PDB file of N, CA and C in Angstrom:
ATOM      1  N   MET A   1     -10.479  -6.549  -6.342  1.00  0.00           N
ATOM      2  CA  MET A   1      -9.978  -4.872  -6.543  1.00  0.00           C
ATOM      3  C   MET A   1      -9.493  -3.903  -5.234  1.00  0.00           C
ATOM      4  N   ILE A   2      -8.638  -3.128  -5.738  1.00  0.00           N
ATOM      5  CA  ILE A   2      -8.071  -2.323  -4.852  1.00  0.00           C
ATOM      6  C   ILE A   2      -8.693  -0.772  -4.844  1.00  0.00           C
ATOM      7  N   ASN A   3      -9.046  -0.539  -3.889  1.00  0.00           N
ATOM      8  CA  ASN A   3      -9.913   0.970  -3.761  1.00  0.00           C
ATOM      9  C   ASN A   3      -9.054   1.873  -2.924  1.00  0.00           C
ATOM     10  N   GLU A   4      -9.045   3.123  -2.994  1.00  0.00           N
ATOM     11  CA  GLU A   4      -8.566   4.313  -2.078  1.00  0.00           C
ATOM     12  C   GLU A   4      -8.824   3.895  -0.783  1.00  0.00           C
ATOM     13  N   LEU A   5      -8.101   4.170   0.277  1.00  0.00           N
ATOM     14  CA  LEU A   5      -7.910   3.861   1.610  1.00  0.00           C
ATOM     15  C   LEU A   5      -7.674   2.418   1.845  1.00  0.00           C
ATOM     16  N   ASP A   6      -7.668   1.414   1.126  1.00  0.00           N
ATOM     17  CA  ASP A   6      -7.475   0.013   1.303  1.00  0.00           C
ATOM     18  C   ASP A   6      -6.047   0.032   2.139  1.00  0.00           C
ATOM     19  N   THR A   7      -5.739  -0.807   2.563  1.00  0.00           N
ATOM     20  CA  THR A   7      -4.466  -1.449   3.451  1.00  0.00           C
ATOM     21  C   THR A   7      -3.957  -2.433   2.275  1.00  0.00           C
ATOM     22  N   VAL A   8      -2.756  -1.874   1.801  1.00  0.00           N
ATOM     23  CA  VAL A   8      -1.909  -3.101   0.911  1.00  0.00           C
ATOM     24  C   VAL A   8      -0.534  -3.361   1.311  1.00  0.00           C
ATOM     25  N   ALA A   9      -0.016  -4.489   0.922  1.00  0.00           N
ATOM     26  CA  ALA A   9       1.314  -4.876   1.261  1.00  0.00           C
ATOM     27  C   ALA A   9       2.258  -4.881  -0.137  1.00  0.00           C
ATOM     28  N   LEU A  10       3.416  -4.781   0.060  1.00  0.00           N
ATOM     29  CA  LEU A  10       4.417  -4.970  -0.956  1.00  0.00           C
ATOM     30  C   LEU A  10       4.526  -6.274  -1.470  1.00  0.00           C
ATOM     31  N   LEU A  11       4.433  -6.740  -2.879  1.00  0.00           N
ATOM     32  CA  LEU A  11       4.749  -7.979  -3.076  1.00  0.00           C
ATOM     33  C   LEU A  11       6.103  -8.011  -3.528  1.00  0.00           C
ATOM     34  N   ILE A  12       6.851  -6.888  -3.720  1.00  0.00           N
ATOM     35  CA  ILE A  12       8.125  -6.773  -4.428  1.00  0.00           C
ATOM     36  C   ILE A  12       9.157  -6.116  -3.483  1.00  0.00           C
ATOM     37  N   ASP A  13      10.402  -5.944  -3.749  1.00  0.00           N
ATOM     38  CA  ASP A  13      11.384  -5.125  -2.922  1.00  0.00           C
ATOM     39  C   ASP A  13      11.593  -3.903  -3.793  1.00  0.00           C
ATOM     40  N   ARG A  14      11.709  -2.750  -3.087  1.00  0.00           N
ATOM     41  CA  ARG A  14      11.818  -1.765  -3.972  1.00  0.00           C
ATOM     42  C   ARG A  14      13.077  -0.940  -3.082  1.00  0.00           C
ATOM     43  N   PRO A  15      14.441  -1.494  -3.255  1.00  0.00           N
ATOM     44  CA  PRO A  15      15.732  -1.233  -2.586  1.00  0.00           C
ATOM     45  C   PRO A  15      15.834   0.278  -2.953  1.00  0.00           C
ATOM     46  N   ASP A  16      15.577   0.874  -3.851  1.00  0.00           N
ATOM     47  CA  ASP A  16      15.837   2.356  -4.443  1.00  0.00           C
ATOM     48  C   ASP A  16      14.997   3.174  -3.755  1.00  0.00           C
ATOM     49  N   LEU A  17      13.770   2.858  -2.968  1.00  0.00           N
ATOM     50  CA  LEU A  17      12.950   3.453  -2.266  1.00  0.00           C
ATOM     51  C   LEU A  17      12.880   3.122  -0.485  1.00  0.00           C
ATOM     52  N   ASN A  18      13.922   2.254  -0.445  1.00  0.00           N
ATOM     53  CA  ASN A  18      14.259   1.535   0.916  1.00  0.00           C
ATOM     54  C   ASN A  18      12.843   0.938   1.245  1.00  0.00           C
ATOM     55  N   LEU A  19      11.870   0.123   0.384  1.00  0.00           N
ATOM     56  CA  LEU A  19      10.607  -0.243   0.489  1.00  0.00           C
ATOM     57  C   LEU A  19      11.208  -1.794   0.612  1.00  0.00           C
ATOM     58  N   ARG A  20      10.686  -2.796   1.423  1.00  0.00           N
ATOM     59  CA  ARG A  20      10.813  -4.098   1.142  1.00  0.00           C
ATOM     60  C   ARG A  20       9.528  -5.027   1.065  1.00  0.00           C
ATOM     61  N   LYS A  21       9.528  -5.900   0.656  1.00  0.00           N
ATOM     62  CA  LYS A  21       8.335  -6.629   0.196  1.00  0.00           C
ATOM     63  C   LYS A  21       7.939  -7.079   1.940  1.00  0.00           C
ATOM     64  N   GLY A  22       6.248  -6.966   1.632  1.00  0.00           N
ATOM     65  CA  GLY A  22       5.597  -7.424   2.979  1.00  0.00           C
ATOM     66  C   GLY A  22       5.310  -5.960   3.621  1.00  0.00           C
ATOM     67  N   GLU A  23       5.960  -4.989   3.191  1.00  0.00           N
ATOM     68  CA  GLU A  23       5.608  -3.642   4.060  1.00  0.00           C
ATOM     69  C   GLU A  23       4.008  -3.393   3.607  1.00  0.00           C
ATOM     70  N   MET A  24       3.583  -2.500   4.879  1.00  0.00           N
ATOM     71  CA  MET A  24       2.089  -2.263   4.474  1.00  0.00           C
ATOM     72  C   MET A  24       2.029  -0.914   4.339  1.00  0.00           C
ATOM     73  N   GLY A  25       1.107  -0.505   3.523  1.00  0.00           N
ATOM     74  CA  GLY A  25       0.696   0.890   3.215  1.00  0.00           C
ATOM     75  C   GLY A  25      -0.646   1.331   3.154  1.00  0.00           C
ATOM     76  N   THR A  26      -0.946   2.630   2.737  1.00  0.00           N
ATOM     77  CA  THR A  26      -2.424   2.768   2.626  1.00  0.00           C
ATOM     78  C   THR A  26      -2.575   3.420   1.045  1.00  0.00           C
ATOM     79  N   VAL A  27      -3.445   2.909   0.329  1.00  0.00           N
ATOM     80  CA  VAL A  27      -3.804   3.703  -0.708  1.00  0.00           C
ATOM     81  C   VAL A  27      -4.330   5.086  -0.866  1.00  0.00           C
ATOM     82  N   VAL A  28      -3.542   5.952  -1.317  1.00  0.00           N
ATOM     83  CA  VAL A  28      -4.044   7.326  -1.152  1.00  0.00           C
ATOM     84  C   VAL A  28      -4.911   7.819  -2.566  1.00  0.00           C
ATOM     85  N   ASP A  29      -4.167   7.266  -3.662  1.00  0.00           N
ATOM     86  CA  ASP A  29      -4.982   7.376  -4.883  1.00  0.00           C
ATOM     87  C   ASP A  29      -5.415   6.283  -5.817  1.00  0.00           C
ATOM     88  N   VAL A  30      -6.322   6.112  -6.658  1.00  0.00           N
ATOM     89  CA  VAL A  30      -6.770   5.183  -7.845  1.00  0.00           C
ATOM     90  C   VAL A  30      -6.206   5.939  -9.212  1.00  0.00           C
ATOM     91  N   LEU A  31      -5.290   5.483  -9.885  1.00  0.00           N
ATOM     92  CA  LEU A  31      -4.849   6.147 -11.005  1.00  0.00           C
ATOM     93  C   LEU A  31      -5.454   5.350 -12.179  1.00  0.00           C
ATOM     94  N   GLY A  32      -6.308   6.186 -12.961  1.00  0.00           N
ATOM     95  CA  GLY A  32      -6.983   5.419 -14.166  1.00  0.00           C
ATOM     96  C   GLY A  32      -8.191   4.610 -13.610  1.00  0.00           C
ATOM     97  N   LYS A  33      -8.448   3.539 -14.270  1.00  0.00           N
ATOM     98  CA  LYS A  33      -9.496   2.719 -13.844  1.00  0.00           C
ATOM     99  C   LYS A  33      -8.841   1.625 -12.855  1.00  0.00           C
ATOM    100  N   GLY A  34      -7.610   1.876 -12.202  1.00  0.00           N
ATOM    101  CA  GLY A  34      -7.305   0.961 -11.627  1.00  0.00           C
ATOM    102  C   GLY A  34      -5.613   0.359 -11.993  1.00  0.00           C
ATOM    103  N   GLU A  35      -5.113   1.261 -12.777  1.00  0.00           N
ATOM    104  CA  GLU A  35      -3.932   0.742 -13.770  1.00  0.00           C
ATOM    105  C   GLU A  35      -2.721   1.010 -12.996  1.00  0.00           C
ATOM    106  N   ALA A  36      -2.908   1.745 -11.712  1.00  0.00           N
ATOM    107  CA  ALA A  36      -2.039   2.097 -10.671  1.00  0.00           C
ATOM    108  C   ALA A  36      -2.253   2.755  -9.533  1.00  0.00           C
ATOM    109  N   PHE A  37      -1.382   2.553  -8.568  1.00  0.00           N
ATOM    110  CA  PHE A  37      -1.920   3.240  -7.437  1.00  0.00           C
ATOM    111  C   PHE A  37      -1.028   3.946  -6.460  1.00  0.00           C
ATOM    112  N   GLN A  38      -1.174   4.998  -5.924  1.00  0.00           N
ATOM    113  CA  GLN A  38      -0.168   5.875  -5.078  1.00  0.00           C
ATOM    114  C   GLN A  38      -0.356   5.209  -3.601  1.00  0.00           C
ATOM    115  N   VAL A  39       0.648   4.692  -2.972  1.00  0.00           N
ATOM    116  CA  VAL A  39       0.725   4.159  -1.777  1.00  0.00           C
ATOM    117  C   VAL A  39       1.382   5.148  -0.965  1.00  0.00           C
ATOM    118  N   GLU A  40       1.151   5.430   0.300  1.00  0.00           N
ATOM    119  CA  GLU A  40       1.595   6.147   1.502  1.00  0.00           C
ATOM    120  C   GLU A  40       2.384   5.007   2.468  1.00  0.00           C
ATOM    121  N   PHE A  41       3.154   5.031   3.047  1.00  0.00           N
ATOM    122  CA  PHE A  41       3.934   4.200   3.844  1.00  0.00           C
ATOM    123  C   PHE A  41       4.238   4.983   5.059  1.00  0.00           C
ATOM    124  N   VAL A  42       3.887   4.934   6.500  1.00  0.00           N
ATOM    125  CA  VAL A  42       3.639   5.467   7.810  1.00  0.00           C
ATOM    126  C   VAL A  42       4.543   4.728   8.743  1.00  0.00           C
ATOM    127  N   ASP A  43       5.076   5.330   9.350  1.00  0.00           N
ATOM    128  CA  ASP A  43       5.880   4.674  10.683  1.00  0.00           C
ATOM    129  C   ASP A  43       4.889   4.879  11.716  1.00  0.00           C
ATOM    130  N   ASP A  44       5.388   3.931  13.037  1.00  0.00           N
ATOM    131  CA  ASP A  44       4.617   3.947  14.152  1.00  0.00           C
ATOM    132  C   ASP A  44       4.380   5.484  14.854  1.00  0.00           C
ATOM    133  N   GLU A  45       5.026   6.443  14.328  1.00  0.00           N
ATOM    134  CA  GLU A  45       4.972   7.912  14.942  1.00  0.00           C
ATOM    135  C   GLU A  45       4.038   8.461  14.086  1.00  0.00           C
ATOM    136  N   GLY A  46       3.619   8.169  12.889  1.00  0.00           N
ATOM    137  CA  GLY A  46       2.716   8.927  12.194  1.00  0.00           C
ATOM    138  C   GLY A  46       3.422   9.524  10.789  1.00  0.00           C
ATOM    139  N   TYR A  47       4.706   9.227  10.769  1.00  0.00           N
ATOM    140  CA  TYR A  47       5.547   9.960   9.985  1.00  0.00           C
ATOM    141  C   TYR A  47       5.632   9.248   8.607  1.00  0.00           C
ATOM    142  N   THR A  48       5.173   9.928   7.327  1.00  0.00           N
ATOM    143  CA  THR A  48       5.504   9.135   6.089  1.00  0.00           C
ATOM    144  C   THR A  48       7.080   8.829   5.671  1.00  0.00           C
ATOM    145  N   TYR A  49       7.440   7.603   5.318  1.00  0.00           N
ATOM    146  CA  TYR A  49       8.668   7.328   4.882  1.00  0.00           C
ATOM    147  C   TYR A  49       8.569   6.912   3.876  1.00  0.00           C
ATOM    148  N   GLY A  50       7.352   6.670   3.065  1.00  0.00           N
ATOM    149  CA  GLY A  50       7.445   6.401   1.371  1.00  0.00           C
ATOM    150  C   GLY A  50       6.193   6.644   1.173  1.00  0.00           C
ATOM    151  N   PHE A  51       6.301   7.282  -0.142  1.00  0.00           N
ATOM    152  CA  PHE A  51       5.043   7.599  -1.192  1.00  0.00           C
ATOM    153  C   PHE A  51       5.386   7.261  -2.628  1.00  0.00           C
ATOM    154  N   GLU A  52       4.678   6.132  -3.159  1.00  0.00           N
ATOM    155  CA  GLU A  52       5.143   5.781  -4.574  1.00  0.00           C
ATOM    156  C   GLU A  52       3.919   5.340  -5.220  1.00  0.00           C
ATOM    157  N   THR A  53       4.350   5.204  -6.639  1.00  0.00           N
ATOM    158  CA  THR A  53       3.209   4.585  -7.333  1.00  0.00           C
ATOM    159  C   THR A  53       3.602   3.098  -7.797  1.00  0.00           C
ATOM    160  N   PHE A  54       2.699   2.195  -7.837  1.00  0.00           N
ATOM    161  CA  PHE A  54       2.595   0.945  -7.930  1.00  0.00           C
ATOM    162  C   PHE A  54       1.861   0.546  -9.047  1.00  0.00           C
ATOM    163  N   ALA A  55       2.312  -0.594  -9.442  1.00  0.00           N
ATOM    164  CA  ALA A  55       1.267  -1.414 -10.564  1.00  0.00           C
ATOM    165  C   ALA A  55       0.472  -2.447  -9.701  1.00  0.00           C
ATOM    166  N   PRO A  56      -0.465  -2.920  -9.946  1.00  0.00           N
ATOM    167  CA  PRO A  56      -1.615  -3.669  -9.371  1.00  0.00           C
ATOM    168  C   PRO A  56      -1.100  -5.149  -8.859  1.00  0.00           C
ATOM    169  N   GLY A  57       0.161  -5.516  -9.742  1.00  0.00           N
ATOM    170  CA  GLY A  57       0.667  -6.887  -9.624  1.00  0.00           C
ATOM    171  C   GLY A  57       1.698  -6.798  -8.372  1.00  0.00           C
ATOM    172  N   GLU A  58       2.129  -5.580  -8.226  1.00  0.00           N
ATOM    173  CA  GLU A  58       3.359  -5.216  -6.919  1.00  0.00           C
ATOM    174  C   GLU A  58       2.472  -5.211  -5.637  1.00  0.00           C
ATOM    175  N   LEU A  59       1.072  -5.340  -5.655  1.00  0.00           N
ATOM    176  CA  LEU A  59       0.391  -4.928  -4.429  1.00  0.00           C
ATOM    177  C   LEU A  59      -0.404  -6.240  -3.896  1.00  0.00           C
ATOM    178  N   LEU A  60      -0.580  -6.606  -2.896  1.00  0.00           N
ATOM    179  CA  LEU A  60      -1.735  -7.407  -2.343  1.00  0.00           C
ATOM    180  C   LEU A  60      -2.587  -6.508  -1.284  1.00  0.00           C
ATOM    181  N   LYS A  61      -3.836  -6.783  -1.534  1.00  0.00           N
ATOM    182  CA  LYS A  61      -4.916  -6.015  -0.912  1.00  0.00           C
ATOM    183  C   LYS A  61      -4.992  -6.568   0.388  1.00  0.00           C
ATOM    184  N   LEU A  62      -5.267  -6.107   1.611  1.00  0.00           N
ATOM    185  CA  LEU A  62      -4.985  -6.762   3.075  1.00  0.00           C
ATOM    186  C   LEU A  62      -6.682  -6.786   3.478  1.00  0.00           C
ATOM    187  N   HIS A  63      -7.147  -7.864   4.105  1.00  0.00           N
ATOM    188  CA  HIS A  63      -8.513  -7.808   4.446  1.00  0.00           C
ATOM    189  C   HIS A  63      -8.492  -7.694   5.830  1.00  0.00           C
ATOM    190  N   HIS A  64      -9.349  -6.855   6.734  1.00  0.00           N
ATOM    191  CA  HIS A  64      -9.441  -7.133   8.012  1.00  0.00           C
ATOM    192  C   HIS A  64     -10.757  -7.310   8.633  1.00  0.00           C
ATOM    193  N   ARG A  65     -10.757  -8.374   9.537  1.00  0.00           N
ATOM    194  CA  ARG A  65     -12.235  -8.880   9.995  1.00  0.00           C
ATOM    195  C   ARG A  65     -12.221  -8.275  11.490  1.00  0.00           C
ATOM    196  N   ALA A  66     -13.327  -7.524  11.946  1.00  0.00           N
ATOM    197  CA  ALA A  66     -13.594  -7.099  13.083  1.00  0.00           C
ATOM    198  C   ALA A  66     -13.931  -8.147  14.105  1.00  0.00           C
ATOM    199  N   LYS A  67     -13.387  -8.286  15.539  1.00  0.00           N
ATOM    200  CA  LYS A  67     -13.716  -9.409  16.144  1.00  0.00           C
ATOM    201  C   LYS A  67     -14.863  -8.716  16.978  1.00  0.00           C
ATOM    202  N   ALA A  68     -15.906  -9.732  17.371  1.00  0.00           N
ATOM    203  CA  ALA A  68     -17.036  -9.334  18.477  1.00  0.00           C
ATOM    204  C   ALA A  68     -16.223  -8.638  19.647  1.00  0.00           C
ATOM    205  N   ALA A  69     -17.002  -7.832  20.358  1.00  0.00           N
ATOM    206  CA  ALA A  69     -16.454  -7.387  21.717  1.00  0.00           C
ATOM    207  C   ALA A  69     -17.007  -8.163  22.812  1.00  0.00           C
TER     208      ALA A  69
END
């Protein structure tokens, strides 16, 4: 299940938005009961370069595991 603030990767190209498969973004809103997700894409300087709504099948939730210090 994808939740708000999850990191996701695109599973599709969206040339109309200058977004390519594999780009990572952050879910900023879950619409309905997970029927769609608003995702923000930010560059290394912190500027938003993409913000769009995607269907669940267009996104892959990424999992992070913290390493012990």
